[in-house]
Amino acid sequence: MSEKIVVGVFTCEGGSVSGPAEYMREQGFEQIKKIERGEDVVFNMGAGGLSPSPEVALLVSLQTDYAGWVGMRQFNAMRGAS
């Protein structure tokens, strides 16, 4: 049985990553591709020794990107409501 790792709203278990469905559809899978290409600073720093494991680094990167995604959605909603 593999270890379940949770960071914020994201989970990694058995080699699978899960998180909020709307984010994953709109941006999450693109963020994972960015990580795979070595283009994500948050993941690179974590995987370079700041996180206890690559899985944690992955989830921290997703959580960080998700926070920005939620913030922009809220900002755009407020702008539209004005």
PDB file of N, CA and C in Angstrom:
ATOM      1  N   MET A   1       0.848  -1.174   0.000  1.00  0.00           N
ATOM      2  CA  MET A   1       0.000   0.000   0.000  1.00  0.00           C
ATOM      3  C   MET A   1       0.896   1.240   0.000  1.00  0.00           C
ATOM      4  N   SER A   2       0.571   2.205  -0.861  1.00  0.00           N
ATOM      5  CA  SER A   2       1.390   3.405  -0.933  1.00  0.00           C
ATOM      6  C   SER A   2       0.921   4.453   0.068  1.00  0.00           C
ATOM      7  N   GLU A   3       1.838   5.306   0.406  1.00  0.00           N
ATOM      8  CA  GLU A   3       1.556   6.371   1.360  1.00  0.00           C
ATOM      9  C   GLU A   3       0.655   7.425   0.723  1.00  0.00           C
ATOM     10  N   LYS A   4      -0.286   7.913   1.485  1.00  0.00           N
ATOM     11  CA  LYS A   4      -1.156   9.000   1.044  1.00  0.00           C
ATOM     12  C   LYS A   4      -0.524  10.302   1.515  1.00  0.00           C
ATOM     13  N   ILE A   5      -0.293  11.224   0.562  1.00  0.00           N
ATOM     14  CA  ILE A   5       0.300  12.521   0.874  1.00  0.00           C
ATOM     15  C   ILE A   5      -0.727  13.590   0.529  1.00  0.00           C
ATOM     16  N   VAL A   6      -0.956  14.500   1.465  1.00  0.00           N
ATOM     17  CA  VAL A   6      -1.923  15.577   1.260  1.00  0.00           C
ATOM     18  C   VAL A   6      -1.237  16.915   1.494  1.00  0.00           C
ATOM     19  N   VAL A   7      -1.412  17.818   0.546  1.00  0.00           N
ATOM     20  CA  VAL A   7      -0.958  19.201   0.693  1.00  0.00           C
ATOM     21  C   VAL A   7      -2.116  20.081   0.259  1.00  0.00           C
ATOM     22  N   GLY A   8      -2.672  20.827   1.200  1.00  0.00           N
ATOM     23  CA  GLY A   8      -3.816  21.679   0.883  1.00  0.00           C
ATOM     24  C   GLY A   8      -4.977  20.846   0.392  1.00  0.00           C
ATOM     25  N   VAL A   9      -5.442  21.141  -0.813  1.00  0.00           N
ATOM     26  CA  VAL A   9      -6.586  20.422  -1.388  1.00  0.00           C
ATOM     27  C   VAL A   9      -6.158  19.329  -2.356  1.00  0.00           C
ATOM     28  N   PHE A  10      -4.864  19.033  -2.411  1.00  0.00           N
ATOM     29  CA  PHE A  10      -4.334  18.038  -3.346  1.00  0.00           C
ATOM     30  C   PHE A  10      -3.846  16.800  -2.609  1.00  0.00           C
ATOM     31  N   THR A  11      -4.021  15.652  -3.265  1.00  0.00           N
ATOM     32  CA  THR A  11      -3.631  14.362  -2.697  1.00  0.00           C
ATOM     33  C   THR A  11      -2.847  13.570  -3.730  1.00  0.00           C
ATOM     34  N   CYS A  12      -1.839  12.865  -3.249  1.00  0.00           N
ATOM     35  CA  CYS A  12      -1.091  11.929  -4.082  1.00  0.00           C
ATOM     36  C   CYS A  12      -1.130  10.578  -3.375  1.00  0.00           C
ATOM     37  N   GLU A  13      -1.609   9.577  -4.090  1.00  0.00           N
ATOM     38  CA  GLU A  13      -1.669   8.236  -3.526  1.00  0.00           C
ATOM     39  C   GLU A  13      -1.589   7.230  -4.660  1.00  0.00           C
ATOM     40  N   GLY A  14      -0.705   6.279  -4.519  1.00  0.00           N
ATOM     41  CA  GLY A  14      -0.582   5.243  -5.534  1.00  0.00           C
ATOM     42  C   GLY A  14      -0.183   5.766  -6.898  1.00  0.00           C
ATOM     43  N   GLY A  15       0.570   6.864  -6.919  1.00  0.00           N
ATOM     44  CA  GLY A  15       1.010   7.428  -8.191  1.00  0.00           C
ATOM     45  C   GLY A  15      -0.008   8.316  -8.868  1.00  0.00           C
ATOM     46  N   SER A  16      -1.163   8.512  -8.248  1.00  0.00           N
ATOM     47  CA  SER A  16      -2.204   9.372  -8.815  1.00  0.00           C
ATOM     48  C   SER A  16      -2.324  10.650  -8.011  1.00  0.00           C
ATOM     49  N   VAL A  17      -2.560  11.742  -8.708  1.00  0.00           N
ATOM     50  CA  VAL A  17      -2.753  13.042  -8.082  1.00  0.00           C
ATOM     51  C   VAL A  17      -4.207  13.441  -8.262  1.00  0.00           C
ATOM     52  N   SER A  18      -4.807  13.937  -7.184  1.00  0.00           N
ATOM     53  CA  SER A  18      -6.178  14.438  -7.291  1.00  0.00           C
ATOM     54  C   SER A  18      -6.272  15.789  -6.619  1.00  0.00           C
ATOM     55  N   GLY A  19      -7.219  16.572  -7.102  1.00  0.00           N
ATOM     56  CA  GLY A  19      -7.466  17.905  -6.579  1.00  0.00           C
ATOM     57  C   GLY A  19      -8.805  18.393  -7.104  1.00  0.00           C
ATOM     58  N   PRO A  20      -9.111  19.666  -6.876  1.00  0.00           N
ATOM     59  CA  PRO A  20     -10.394  20.211  -7.321  1.00  0.00           C
ATOM     60  C   PRO A  20     -10.596  20.001  -8.825  1.00  0.00           C
ATOM     61  N   ALA A  21     -11.717  19.400  -9.177  1.00  0.00           N
ATOM     62  CA  ALA A  21     -11.973  18.998 -10.569  1.00  0.00           C
ATOM     63  C   ALA A  21     -11.921  20.168 -11.547  1.00  0.00           C
ATOM     64  N   GLU A  22     -12.525  21.288 -11.189  1.00  0.00           N
ATOM     65  CA  GLU A  22     -12.564  22.428 -12.117  1.00  0.00           C
ATOM     66  C   GLU A  22     -11.153  22.966 -12.370  1.00  0.00           C
ATOM     67  N   TYR A  23     -10.366  23.091 -11.320  1.00  0.00           N
ATOM     68  CA  TYR A  23      -8.980  23.540 -11.488  1.00  0.00           C
ATOM     69  C   TYR A  23      -8.203  22.552 -12.346  1.00  0.00           C
ATOM     70  N   MET A  24      -8.335  21.268 -12.046  1.00  0.00           N
ATOM     71  CA  MET A  24      -7.575  20.272 -12.802  1.00  0.00           C
ATOM     72  C   MET A  24      -7.928  20.336 -14.281  1.00  0.00           C
ATOM     73  N   ARG A  25      -9.217  20.492 -14.585  1.00  0.00           N
ATOM     74  CA  ARG A  25      -9.635  20.600 -15.992  1.00  0.00           C
ATOM     75  C   ARG A  25      -9.080  21.862 -16.644  1.00  0.00           C
ATOM     76  N   GLU A  26      -9.198  22.985 -15.953  1.00  0.00           N
ATOM     77  CA  GLU A  26      -8.830  24.265 -16.550  1.00  0.00           C
ATOM     78  C   GLU A  26      -7.333  24.525 -16.564  1.00  0.00           C
ATOM     79  N   GLN A  27      -6.612  24.074 -15.542  1.00  0.00           N
ATOM     80  CA  GLN A  27      -5.222  24.483 -15.431  1.00  0.00           C
ATOM     81  C   GLN A  27      -4.294  23.431 -14.829  1.00  0.00           C
ATOM     82  N   GLY A  28      -4.794  22.559 -14.006  1.00  0.00           N
ATOM     83  CA  GLY A  28      -3.943  21.633 -13.271  1.00  0.00           C
ATOM     84  C   GLY A  28      -3.100  20.718 -14.135  1.00  0.00           C
ATOM     85  N   PHE A  29      -3.690  20.152 -15.164  1.00  0.00           N
ATOM     86  CA  PHE A  29      -2.919  19.234 -16.009  1.00  0.00           C
ATOM     87  C   PHE A  29      -1.848  19.991 -16.786  1.00  0.00           C
ATOM     88  N   GLU A  30      -2.133  21.245 -17.150  1.00  0.00           N
ATOM     89  CA  GLU A  30      -1.130  22.084 -17.795  1.00  0.00           C
ATOM     90  C   GLU A  30       0.013  22.383 -16.828  1.00  0.00           C
ATOM     91  N   GLN A  31      -0.322  22.590 -15.555  1.00  0.00           N
ATOM     92  CA  GLN A  31       0.702  22.832 -14.538  1.00  0.00           C
ATOM     93  C   GLN A  31       1.592  21.597 -14.381  1.00  0.00           C
ATOM     94  N   ILE A  32       1.003  20.423 -14.421  1.00  0.00           N
ATOM     95  CA  ILE A  32       1.799  19.193 -14.323  1.00  0.00           C
ATOM     96  C   ILE A  32       2.736  19.076 -15.522  1.00  0.00           C
ATOM     97  N   LYS A  33       2.267  19.426 -16.708  1.00  0.00           N
ATOM     98  CA  LYS A  33       3.131  19.401 -17.896  1.00  0.00           C
ATOM     99  C   LYS A  33       4.289  20.374 -17.745  1.00  0.00           C
ATOM    100  N   LYS A  34       4.016  21.551 -17.179  1.00  0.00           N
ATOM    101  CA  LYS A  34       5.059  22.546 -16.926  1.00  0.00           C
ATOM    102  C   LYS A  34       6.115  21.971 -15.971  1.00  0.00           C
ATOM    103  N   ILE A  35       5.664  21.270 -14.953  1.00  0.00           N
ATOM    104  CA  ILE A  35       6.577  20.622 -14.003  1.00  0.00           C
ATOM    105  C   ILE A  35       7.418  19.577 -14.729  1.00  0.00           C
ATOM    106  N   GLU A  36       6.773  18.759 -15.552  1.00  0.00           N
ATOM    107  CA  GLU A  36       7.484  17.711 -16.292  1.00  0.00           C
ATOM    108  C   GLU A  36       8.541  18.293 -17.227  1.00  0.00           C
ATOM    109  N   ARG A  37       8.289  19.478 -17.767  1.00  0.00           N
ATOM    110  CA  ARG A  37       9.255  20.139 -18.665  1.00  0.00           C
ATOM    111  C   ARG A  37      10.368  20.828 -17.882  1.00  0.00           C
ATOM    112  N   GLY A  38      10.282  20.831 -16.550  1.00  0.00           N
ATOM    113  CA  GLY A  38      11.296  21.471 -15.728  1.00  0.00           C
ATOM    114  C   GLY A  38      11.166  22.972 -15.659  1.00  0.00           C
ATOM    115  N   GLU A  39       9.971  23.492 -15.928  1.00  0.00           N
ATOM    116  CA  GLU A  39       9.751  24.933 -16.024  1.00  0.00           C
ATOM    117  C   GLU A  39       9.073  25.549 -14.803  1.00  0.00           C
ATOM    118  N   ASP A  40       8.876  24.789 -13.741  1.00  0.00           N
ATOM    119  CA  ASP A  40       8.178  25.329 -12.578  1.00  0.00           C
ATOM    120  C   ASP A  40       9.154  25.554 -11.434  1.00  0.00           C
ATOM    121  N   VAL A  41       9.323  26.815 -11.061  1.00  0.00           N
ATOM    122  CA  VAL A  41      10.291  27.190 -10.028  1.00  0.00           C
ATOM    123  C   VAL A  41       9.934  26.571  -8.677  1.00  0.00           C
ATOM    124  N   VAL A  42       8.661  26.566  -8.317  1.00  0.00           N
ATOM    125  CA  VAL A  42       8.248  26.035  -7.017  1.00  0.00           C
ATOM    126  C   VAL A  42       8.605  24.554  -6.923  1.00  0.00           C
ATOM    127  N   PHE A  43       8.265  23.794  -7.951  1.00  0.00           N
ATOM    128  CA  PHE A  43       8.605  22.365  -7.941  1.00  0.00           C
ATOM    129  C   PHE A  43      10.116  22.171  -7.940  1.00  0.00           C
ATOM    130  N   ASN A  44      10.819  22.906  -8.783  1.00  0.00           N
ATOM    131  CA  ASN A  44      12.271  22.737  -8.889  1.00  0.00           C
ATOM    132  C   ASN A  44      12.966  23.002  -7.554  1.00  0.00           C
ATOM    133  N   MET A  45      12.515  24.030  -6.845  1.00  0.00           N
ATOM    134  CA  MET A  45      13.097  24.323  -5.536  1.00  0.00           C
ATOM    135  C   MET A  45      12.791  23.196  -4.548  1.00  0.00           C
ATOM    136  N   GLY A  46      11.550  22.734  -4.561  1.00  0.00           N
ATOM    137  CA  GLY A  46      11.169  21.659  -3.651  1.00  0.00           C
ATOM    138  C   GLY A  46      11.904  20.376  -3.945  1.00  0.00           C
ATOM    139  N   ALA A  47      11.931  20.006  -5.206  1.00  0.00           N
ATOM    140  CA  ALA A  47      12.598  18.760  -5.601  1.00  0.00           C
ATOM    141  C   ALA A  47      14.105  18.858  -5.398  1.00  0.00           C
ATOM    142  N   GLY A  48      14.616  20.085  -5.350  1.00  0.00           N
ATOM    143  CA  GLY A  48      16.047  20.293  -5.155  1.00  0.00           C
ATOM    144  C   GLY A  48      16.475  20.218  -3.703  1.00  0.00           C
ATOM    145  N   GLY A  49      15.579  19.826  -2.831  1.00  0.00           N
ATOM    146  CA  GLY A  49      15.972  19.613  -1.453  1.00  0.00           C
ATOM    147  C   GLY A  49      15.122  20.318  -0.412  1.00  0.00           C
ATOM    148  N   LEU A  50      14.214  21.187  -0.817  1.00  0.00           N
ATOM    149  CA  LEU A  50      13.396  21.892   0.158  1.00  0.00           C
ATOM    150  C   LEU A  50      12.170  21.102   0.604  1.00  0.00           C
ATOM    151  N   SER A  51      11.788  20.090  -0.159  1.00  0.00           N
ATOM    152  CA  SER A  51      10.654  19.240   0.214  1.00  0.00           C
ATOM    153  C   SER A  51      11.158  17.861   0.616  1.00  0.00           C
ATOM    154  N   PRO A  52      10.406  17.176   1.459  1.00  0.00           N
ATOM    155  CA  PRO A  52      10.847  15.841   1.878  1.00  0.00           C
ATOM    156  C   PRO A  52      10.804  14.794   0.767  1.00  0.00           C
ATOM    157  N   SER A  53      10.053  15.071  -0.317  1.00  0.00           N
ATOM    158  CA  SER A  53       9.968  14.107  -1.419  1.00  0.00           C
ATOM    159  C   SER A  53       9.502  14.821  -2.684  1.00  0.00           C
ATOM    160  N   PRO A  54       9.732  14.223  -3.847  1.00  0.00           N
ATOM    161  CA  PRO A  54       9.231  14.804  -5.092  1.00  0.00           C
ATOM    162  C   PRO A  54       7.705  14.913  -5.114  1.00  0.00           C
ATOM    163  N   GLU A  55       7.038  13.965  -4.466  1.00  0.00           N
ATOM    164  CA  GLU A  55       5.573  14.005  -4.416  1.00  0.00           C
ATOM    165  C   GLU A  55       5.090  15.235  -3.650  1.00  0.00           C
ATOM    166  N   VAL A  56       5.726  15.528  -2.549  1.00  0.00           N
ATOM    167  CA  VAL A  56       5.365  16.725  -1.778  1.00  0.00           C
ATOM    168  C   VAL A  56       5.661  17.969  -2.613  1.00  0.00           C
ATOM    169  N   ALA A  57       6.795  17.998  -3.298  1.00  0.00           N
ATOM    170  CA  ALA A  57       7.140  19.138  -4.149  1.00  0.00           C
ATOM    171  C   ALA A  57       6.086  19.340  -5.232  1.00  0.00           C
ATOM    172  N   LEU A  58       5.618  18.253  -5.814  1.00  0.00           N
ATOM    173  CA  LEU A  58       4.565  18.328  -6.831  1.00  0.00           C
ATOM    174  C   LEU A  58       3.287  18.927  -6.255  1.00  0.00           C
ATOM    175  N   LEU A  59       2.871  18.430  -5.106  1.00  0.00           N
ATOM    176  CA  LEU A  59       1.628  18.916  -4.497  1.00  0.00           C
ATOM    177  C   LEU A  59       1.756  20.365  -4.041  1.00  0.00           C
ATOM    178  N   VAL A  60       2.909  20.750  -3.534  1.00  0.00           N
ATOM    179  CA  VAL A  60       3.124  22.153  -3.140  1.00  0.00           C
ATOM    180  C   VAL A  60       3.034  23.052  -4.368  1.00  0.00           C
ATOM    181  N   SER A  61       3.609  22.622  -5.470  1.00  0.00           N
ATOM    182  CA  SER A  61       3.528  23.399  -6.704  1.00  0.00           C
ATOM    183  C   SER A  61       2.078  23.558  -7.162  1.00  0.00           C
ATOM    184  N   LEU A  62       1.338  22.459  -7.133  1.00  0.00           N
ATOM    185  CA  LEU A  62      -0.075  22.526  -7.527  1.00  0.00           C
ATOM    186  C   LEU A  62      -0.864  23.419  -6.578  1.00  0.00           C
ATOM    187  N   GLN A  63      -0.630  23.288  -5.289  1.00  0.00           N
ATOM    188  CA  GLN A  63      -1.353  24.099  -4.306  1.00  0.00           C
ATOM    189  C   GLN A  63      -1.046  25.582  -4.503  1.00  0.00           C
ATOM    190  N   THR A  64       0.210  25.903  -4.777  1.00  0.00           N
ATOM    191  CA  THR A  64       0.603  27.298  -5.006  1.00  0.00           C
ATOM    192  C   THR A  64      -0.082  27.850  -6.256  1.00  0.00           C
ATOM    193  N   ASP A  65      -0.062  27.080  -7.331  1.00  0.00           N
ATOM    194  CA  ASP A  65      -0.714  27.507  -8.568  1.00  0.00           C
ATOM    195  C   ASP A  65      -2.222  27.623  -8.369  1.00  0.00           C
ATOM    196  N   TYR A  66      -2.789  26.685  -7.624  1.00  0.00           N
ATOM    197  CA  TYR A  66      -4.233  26.704  -7.341  1.00  0.00           C
ATOM    198  C   TYR A  66      -4.623  27.966  -6.583  1.00  0.00           C
ATOM    199  N   ALA A  67      -3.814  28.363  -5.610  1.00  0.00           N
ATOM    200  CA  ALA A  67      -4.111  29.580  -4.848  1.00  0.00           C
ATOM    201  C   ALA A  67      -4.157  30.791  -5.774  1.00  0.00           C
ATOM    202  N   GLY A  68      -3.231  30.874  -6.709  1.00  0.00           N
ATOM    203  CA  GLY A  68      -3.249  31.966  -7.688  1.00  0.00           C
ATOM    204  C   GLY A  68      -4.461  31.891  -8.598  1.00  0.00           C
ATOM    205  N   TRP A  69      -4.828  30.695  -8.998  1.00  0.00           N
ATOM    206  CA  TRP A  69      -5.989  30.476  -9.864  1.00  0.00           C
ATOM    207  C   TRP A  69      -7.268  30.928  -9.156  1.00  0.00           C
ATOM    208  N   VAL A  70      -7.429  30.541  -7.900  1.00  0.00           N
ATOM    209  CA  VAL A  70      -8.609  30.941  -7.125  1.00  0.00           C
ATOM    210  C   VAL A  70      -8.627  32.459  -6.951  1.00  0.00           C
ATOM    211  N   GLY A  71      -7.479  33.041  -6.626  1.00  0.00           N
ATOM    212  CA  GLY A  71      -7.398  34.483  -6.448  1.00  0.00           C
ATOM    213  C   GLY A  71      -7.791  35.251  -7.696  1.00  0.00           C
ATOM    214  N   MET A  72      -7.322  34.796  -8.849  1.00  0.00           N
ATOM    215  CA  MET A  72      -7.675  35.477 -10.103  1.00  0.00           C
ATOM    216  C   MET A  72      -9.158  35.329 -10.414  1.00  0.00           C
ATOM    217  N   ARG A  73      -9.723  34.189 -10.123  1.00  0.00           N
ATOM    218  CA  ARG A  73     -11.168  34.005 -10.344  1.00  0.00           C
ATOM    219  C   ARG A  73     -11.970  34.951  -9.447  1.00  0.00           C
ATOM    220  N   GLN A  74     -11.538  35.083  -8.194  1.00  0.00           N
ATOM    221  CA  GLN A  74     -12.227  35.992  -7.280  1.00  0.00           C
ATOM    222  C   GLN A  74     -12.073  37.435  -7.722  1.00  0.00           C
ATOM    223  N   PHE A  75     -10.869  37.805  -8.139  1.00  0.00           N
ATOM    224  CA  PHE A  75     -10.608  39.153  -8.617  1.00  0.00           C
ATOM    225  C   PHE A  75     -11.473  39.470  -9.845  1.00  0.00           C
ATOM    226  N   ASN A  76     -11.498  38.547 -10.797  1.00  0.00           N
ATOM    227  CA  ASN A  76     -12.309  38.758 -12.003  1.00  0.00           C
ATOM    228  C   ASN A  76     -13.792  38.835 -11.679  1.00  0.00           C
ATOM    229  N   ALA A  77     -14.232  38.043 -10.714  1.00  0.00           N
ATOM    230  CA  ALA A  77     -15.651  38.085 -10.305  1.00  0.00           C
ATOM    231  C   ALA A  77     -15.969  39.429  -9.683  1.00  0.00           C
ATOM    232  N   MET A  78     -15.078  39.969  -8.869  1.00  0.00           N
ATOM    233  CA  MET A  78     -15.304  41.293  -8.253  1.00  0.00           C
ATOM    234  C   MET A  78     -15.313  42.390  -9.302  1.00  0.00           C
ATOM    235  N   ARG A  79     -14.436  42.300 -10.267  1.00  0.00           N
ATOM    236  CA  ARG A  79     -14.404  43.293 -11.342  1.00  0.00           C
ATOM    237  C   ARG A  79     -15.682  43.266 -12.145  1.00  0.00           C
ATOM    238  N   GLY A  80     -16.193  42.060 -12.382  1.00  0.00           N
ATOM    239  CA  GLY A  80     -17.433  41.917 -13.151  1.00  0.00           C
ATOM    240  C   GLY A  80     -18.648  42.382 -12.364  1.00  0.00           C
ATOM    241  N   ALA A  81     -18.565  42.326 -11.032  1.00  0.00           N
ATOM    242  CA  ALA A  81     -19.689  42.707 -10.191  1.00  0.00           C
ATOM    243  C   ALA A  81     -19.755  44.216  -9.974  1.00  0.00           C
ATOM    244  N   SER A  82     -18.688  44.937 -10.295  1.00  0.00           N
ATOM    245  CA  SER A  82     -18.655  46.380 -10.047  1.00  0.00           C
ATOM    246  C   SER A  82     -19.501  47.137 -11.031  1.00  0.00           C
TER     247      SER A  82
END
